[in-house]
């Protein structure tokens, strides 16, 4: 069989990489509506007319496998870009069967080739591996009370909880080492990387999975790798598209190479400047060095104004030296860039000033993001803004705080109701939510119409049942609520009724944007340099900050603290 035709697409921030992939899929499956418009768009981006003419309508949707790094990105692509139902259309035999994460493609192949018993799916009971690990961690805490797991702080962001650290190390080692040492050697590698205090927890997790007949993401990758290598399974499509290629781990890269066998067309897309999962082994060299017959660099950014783009490109040229430099074109608008010096996230007057700047932007109708390096930093600023009467949101769609209690709503809804009561502008729903939190009414009694003040005890702040909050939304939610109730809410005047304010980590913002971004330049430690053992690790950190500064559509404010990373 002839070699596949390989296309590599570099998509720097805001250049429309996802839209380009959408247009390519539409072209390959022969969407006739807007055919000439799609063709002109692809040619403008650098696709040769001859190649486009030869490949229009050459494939069915079921001939295409589309892999990406995160389920949220895949859902956006399928449901918002292709206008299809991800869950329904990727069932066995569906046209989107192989539109998944790399883990998900391995899982689908293991089921389809009858390597895995369908009973596994039933045993999982619709729960994610993280949820099963949380159940396991709760069980282990009977033996070791310090073995706590926070599913909202996965990965490198929170290695300070014991169970999180175990989850992180298992994933790290498997993603970096499994293809070298195999099934026989991986346990030894994991144990070498873990402190002795976690060895028994590791063995207990393996027993827990075996006893219940369940699997985690690592099992999907390891079994996928083994059975692809043996030839027992293969990817039965003609086209393979991989988005966010720069975020593949070494094990996922080896799996990709086996999935790519016997394909007619391979398309890889990403941006080495935005490799931010290096803690899992992601390496920008995977996309830089992978050979291609056609290389496209998307240069026109539809997001970044001139001042923000110049700052980002200057930063990339100085700090991201091991990548492909991409000269980009701005939106043509001037934009705004501000450096805010001598700021402290722990100083009341500084937070007040930041809140005033944010308020001024919200009053203009601008969306605002405040981005931090870690979850704990984001949570601190989240709390400070709640105390001032704002209702910020998280960028994480899967956060436990979004869990809905029937009729009551999410933890965010409860927080917002508390703010409205403190501001003196509550609705009946707000009274009911706080009454429910105080145990005055149950979920079943939520629709009952009582006199408003019946919902609210005079000392309602002390009456909120914190154990209930923790049981539903987690220990972190309880601590957060305790803190803002203890320190008191002092709502600012003039906050609009409707606005978009997001406070979260830089990692959570990847692929997203806002009119105005405040980038809190603060590392977790003052002497952060000693945590980076090589120039490669330092450059990996620099890529995270590059992602943060390229989220802004109109204005970027870089907020400098005494623990700042080098962003000059």
Foldseek 3Di string as FASTA:
>chain_A
DDDAAEEEEEEPPQLCPLVLVLLVLCQQQAVPVCVVVSLVVNVVLPDDPVVSVVRGNNDHLLQEAEAEADPVVLCCSCCVRVVDDQVVQCDVVHSHVRSYHLLSNLVSQCVVLVVDDCVQVVLCVPPAPLVVLQVLQVVCCVVPVQQHDAPVAAEPQDCPRNSNVLVRLLLQQLLAPCVPQPPVCSLVSSVVVDDPVCNVVVVSVVVSCVVSVYDHSSVSLRSSLVCLVVVSTEQNHQEYEYEQLQQRANSSLSSVVSNSPPHRYYYYYHHLLQHQNCSSRRHSCSSVVDDHPHYGYSAERCFAADVLVVLLLVLCVVQVPPGDRHHHDYNPHHFAEAEAPAADLPDLVRLVVVLVVVQVCQVVVWAEEEAEAHFVSLLSSCLVVLLQLDQADALDPPALQQDQDPPLGGLSSLSNLVSCVVVVNHDLSSLLNLLCQLVLDDSVCSPPDDPSCSSPDPPSLVRGDLVVVCVRRHPVSSVSSVVSSVVHHNHDPDRDPDHHYYGYHLVSCQPAAIQEYEYEFADPDQPCVVVDPDSVSLSSVSSSVSSRSSRHRHYYYYYDHSSGDDSD
